[in-house]
Amino acid sequence: MKKTLLVAGMAAAILMSTSISYAATTNAADTKVKPQCEKKLPPKHGDFKGKKAPGMERPDRPNLDDRLKLTDEQKKQAHDIRMKGHKKMKPVFEKMKAKKEQIREIKKSDLSQEQKAKKIEPLKKDLKKLKQEARKIRMENTKEFEAILTPEQKAEFEKIKQEGREKAKQHKMKKRPCPINAKPAADKK
């Protein structure tokens, strides 16, 4: 009887110690600290039925239609211009996506760095041309949109664009290098 109790007690102690050590290792693995520069995942595309995605609402900033005080006719024309631009942009974006995917696949391949560079270079040139084409389409859309505005609305639109440029400039200044990817500083003597 004593032997059975002793064996049962030993077995219970062993089981408890293994479960405690397992819990300690899983908790330590779950609480890894991620570096701050790690990229955030893009938002999931959902059906928001004409509403902004959660967290994207900006009650402090009125939308362009309200800020420019567009008439109903101008709103309809602006919508048509946006849709026409979207139709023009869609194939360009699809081509860009395909080129980026090709570059990703080449980078994953077992080729030497030199061979990868040779294959990637023309794809990057094509990508640059596609970006220029997209920029050209955006500029055309902006010109079409400006054509439907009154002189007062054009002045306000220029003001809005300038504010956007300033925000972009400030945003660029805030960027810091990622400490993981940063090269060690050379010793200065």
Protein backbone atom coordinates (compact mmCIF):
# COMPACT_ATOMS: atom_id res chain seq x y z
CA MET A 1 0.00 0.00 0.00
CA LYS A 2 2.79 2.37 0.92
CA LYS A 3 4.60 1.58 -2.34
CA THR A 4 1.47 2.33 -4.36
CA LEU A 5 0.99 5.68 -2.63
CA LEU A 6 4.65 6.50 -3.09
CA VAL A 7 4.54 5.63 -6.82
CA ALA A 8 1.29 7.58 -7.29
CA GLY A 9 2.77 10.60 -5.47
CA MET A 10 5.94 10.47 -7.60
CA ALA A 11 3.89 10.19 -10.80
CA ALA A 12 1.73 13.16 -9.78
CA ALA A 13 4.82 15.24 -8.98
CA ILE A 14 6.40 14.39 -12.35
CA LEU A 15 3.20 15.20 -14.25
CA MET A 16 2.78 18.52 -12.45
CA SER A 17 6.38 19.56 -13.04
CA THR A 18 6.18 18.78 -16.77
CA SER A 19 2.91 20.66 -17.17
CA ILE A 20 4.32 23.68 -15.32
CA SER A 21 7.50 23.69 -17.42
CA TYR A 22 5.44 23.33 -20.61
CA ALA A 23 3.24 26.27 -19.60
CA ALA A 24 6.32 28.37 -18.85
CA THR A 25 7.90 27.68 -22.26
CA THR A 26 4.70 28.36 -24.22
CA ASN A 27 4.11 31.65 -22.38
CA ALA A 28 7.68 32.75 -23.03
CA ALA A 29 7.32 31.97 -26.74
CA ASP A 30 3.98 33.77 -26.95
CA THR A 31 5.31 36.99 -25.43
CA LYS A 32 8.11 37.74 -27.90
CA VAL A 33 8.65 41.45 -28.31
CA LYS A 34 8.29 42.57 -31.91
CA PRO A 35 10.52 45.38 -33.15
CA GLN A 36 8.69 48.68 -33.60
CA CYS A 37 9.72 49.01 -37.22
CA GLU A 38 8.00 45.81 -38.26
CA LYS A 39 5.47 46.56 -40.98
CA LYS A 40 1.83 46.50 -40.05
CA LEU A 41 -0.46 44.25 -42.02
CA PRO A 42 -2.59 46.03 -44.60
CA PRO A 43 -6.24 46.41 -43.65
CA LYS A 44 -8.50 43.61 -44.79
CA HIS A 45 -10.71 44.50 -47.70
CA GLY A 46 -14.33 44.25 -46.69
CA ASP A 47 -17.69 45.28 -47.93
CA PHE A 48 -18.36 48.53 -46.10
CA LYS A 49 -21.27 49.48 -48.39
CA GLY A 50 -20.15 53.02 -49.13
CA LYS A 51 -18.86 53.64 -45.61
CA LYS A 52 -15.28 54.10 -44.59
CA ALA A 53 -13.47 51.16 -43.05
CA PRO A 54 -13.57 51.02 -39.23
CA GLY A 55 -11.00 53.38 -37.77
CA MET A 56 -10.72 55.36 -41.02
CA GLU A 57 -13.45 57.88 -40.27
CA ARG A 58 -12.18 61.42 -39.87
CA PRO A 59 -14.93 63.55 -38.31
CA ASP A 60 -12.43 66.38 -37.82
CA ARG A 61 -11.80 66.60 -41.57
CA PRO A 62 -14.71 67.19 -43.97
CA ASN A 63 -14.60 65.36 -47.28
CA LEU A 64 -13.62 67.10 -50.51
CA ASP A 65 -17.20 67.54 -51.75
CA ASP A 66 -18.20 69.35 -48.56
CA ARG A 67 -15.05 71.43 -48.33
CA LEU A 68 -15.37 72.63 -51.94
CA LYS A 69 -19.15 73.06 -51.54
CA LEU A 70 -19.86 71.16 -54.76
CA THR A 71 -23.33 71.33 -56.27
CA ASP A 72 -25.25 68.12 -56.95
CA GLU A 73 -24.39 68.42 -60.65
CA GLN A 74 -20.69 68.86 -59.84
CA LYS A 75 -20.81 65.87 -57.48
CA LYS A 76 -22.26 63.73 -60.26
CA GLN A 77 -19.60 64.95 -62.72
CA ALA A 78 -16.84 64.36 -60.15
CA HIS A 79 -18.13 60.83 -59.54
CA ASP A 80 -18.13 60.13 -63.30
CA ILE A 81 -14.56 61.45 -63.59
CA ARG A 82 -13.43 59.22 -60.68
CA MET A 83 -15.08 56.15 -62.20
CA LYS A 84 -13.55 56.84 -65.61
CA GLY A 85 -10.14 57.28 -63.98
CA HIS A 86 -10.62 54.07 -62.02
CA LYS A 87 -11.32 52.17 -65.24
CA LYS A 88 -8.13 53.58 -66.77
CA MET A 89 -6.06 52.82 -63.68
CA LYS A 90 -7.22 49.27 -63.05
CA PRO A 91 -5.20 47.61 -65.85
CA VAL A 92 -2.13 49.66 -64.91
CA PHE A 93 -2.38 48.55 -61.28
CA GLU A 94 -2.88 44.93 -62.33
CA LYS A 95 0.27 45.10 -64.45
CA MET A 96 2.17 46.67 -61.55
CA LYS A 97 0.96 43.93 -59.22
CA ALA A 98 2.07 41.25 -61.69
CA LYS A 99 5.55 42.82 -62.05
CA LYS A 100 5.95 43.03 -58.27
CA GLU A 101 4.93 39.39 -57.94
CA GLN A 102 7.49 38.40 -60.59
CA ILE A 103 10.18 40.29 -58.67
CA ARG A 104 9.13 38.54 -55.44
CA GLU A 105 9.33 35.13 -57.11
CA ILE A 106 12.78 35.87 -58.53
CA LYS A 107 14.02 36.97 -55.10
CA LYS A 108 12.76 33.68 -53.60
CA SER A 109 14.40 31.58 -56.33
CA ASP A 110 17.67 29.67 -55.97
CA LEU A 111 19.48 31.80 -58.54
CA SER A 112 22.71 33.59 -57.71
CA GLN A 113 22.49 37.22 -56.67
CA GLU A 114 23.95 38.27 -60.02
CA GLN A 115 21.35 36.30 -62.00
CA LYS A 116 18.57 37.66 -59.81
CA ALA A 117 19.78 41.22 -60.42
CA LYS A 118 19.84 40.66 -64.20
CA LYS A 119 16.28 39.36 -64.19
CA ILE A 120 14.94 41.99 -61.79
CA GLU A 121 16.46 45.04 -63.53
CA PRO A 122 14.15 45.04 -66.60
CA LEU A 123 11.14 44.37 -64.36
CA LYS A 124 12.01 47.40 -62.24
CA LYS A 125 12.29 49.53 -65.38
CA ASP A 126 8.84 48.31 -66.50
CA LEU A 127 7.48 49.06 -63.03
CA LYS A 128 8.88 52.59 -63.19
CA LYS A 129 7.17 53.16 -66.56
CA LEU A 130 3.88 51.87 -65.14
CA LYS A 131 4.18 54.23 -62.16
CA GLN A 132 4.74 57.13 -64.56
CA GLU A 133 1.69 56.05 -66.54
CA ALA A 134 -0.40 55.94 -63.36
CA ARG A 135 0.83 59.41 -62.41
CA LYS A 136 -0.11 60.70 -65.87
CA ILE A 137 -3.64 59.27 -65.52
CA ARG A 138 -3.97 60.88 -62.06
CA MET A 139 -2.87 64.25 -63.46
CA GLU A 140 -5.41 63.99 -66.30
CA ASN A 141 -8.15 63.17 -63.79
CA THR A 142 -7.17 66.13 -61.64
CA LYS A 143 -7.28 68.47 -64.65
CA GLU A 144 -10.71 67.13 -65.62
CA PHE A 145 -11.91 67.64 -62.06
CA GLU A 146 -10.54 71.18 -61.92
CA ALA A 147 -12.39 71.97 -65.17
CA ILE A 148 -15.77 71.52 -63.45
CA LEU A 149 -14.88 73.85 -60.55
CA THR A 150 -15.69 77.53 -60.21
CA PRO A 151 -12.78 79.97 -59.65
CA GLU A 152 -13.50 80.06 -55.89
CA GLN A 153 -13.59 76.27 -55.73
CA LYS A 154 -10.33 76.07 -57.70
CA ALA A 155 -8.65 78.38 -55.19
CA GLU A 156 -9.90 76.22 -52.31
CA PHE A 157 -8.78 73.06 -54.15
CA GLU A 158 -5.26 74.51 -54.57
CA LYS A 159 -5.24 75.28 -50.85
CA ILE A 160 -6.25 71.66 -50.08
CA LYS A 161 -3.51 70.31 -52.36
CA GLN A 162 -0.92 72.55 -50.67
CA GLU A 163 -2.02 71.31 -47.23
CA GLY A 164 -1.60 67.74 -48.48
CA ARG A 165 1.91 68.50 -49.72
CA GLU A 166 2.83 69.98 -46.35
CA LYS A 167 1.50 66.92 -44.51
CA ALA A 168 3.41 64.62 -46.85
CA LYS A 169 6.58 66.63 -46.28
CA GLN A 170 6.16 66.42 -42.49
CA HIS A 171 5.45 62.69 -42.74
CA LYS A 172 8.66 62.10 -44.70
CA MET A 173 10.63 63.99 -42.07
CA LYS A 174 9.26 61.74 -39.29
CA LYS A 175 10.55 58.52 -40.84
CA ARG A 176 13.36 56.91 -38.90
CA PRO A 177 15.57 54.06 -40.08
CA CYS A 178 14.62 50.64 -38.82
CA PRO A 179 17.16 49.53 -36.17
CA ILE A 180 17.04 45.96 -37.46
CA ASN A 181 17.99 46.88 -41.01
CA ALA A 182 20.35 49.72 -40.07
CA LYS A 183 24.00 49.21 -40.81
CA PRO A 184 26.36 49.72 -37.88
CA ALA A 185 27.87 53.18 -37.83
CA ALA A 186 31.50 53.38 -38.82
CA ASP A 187 33.84 54.36 -36.02
CA LYS A 188 34.67 58.04 -36.28
CA LYS A 189 38.19 59.00 -35.28
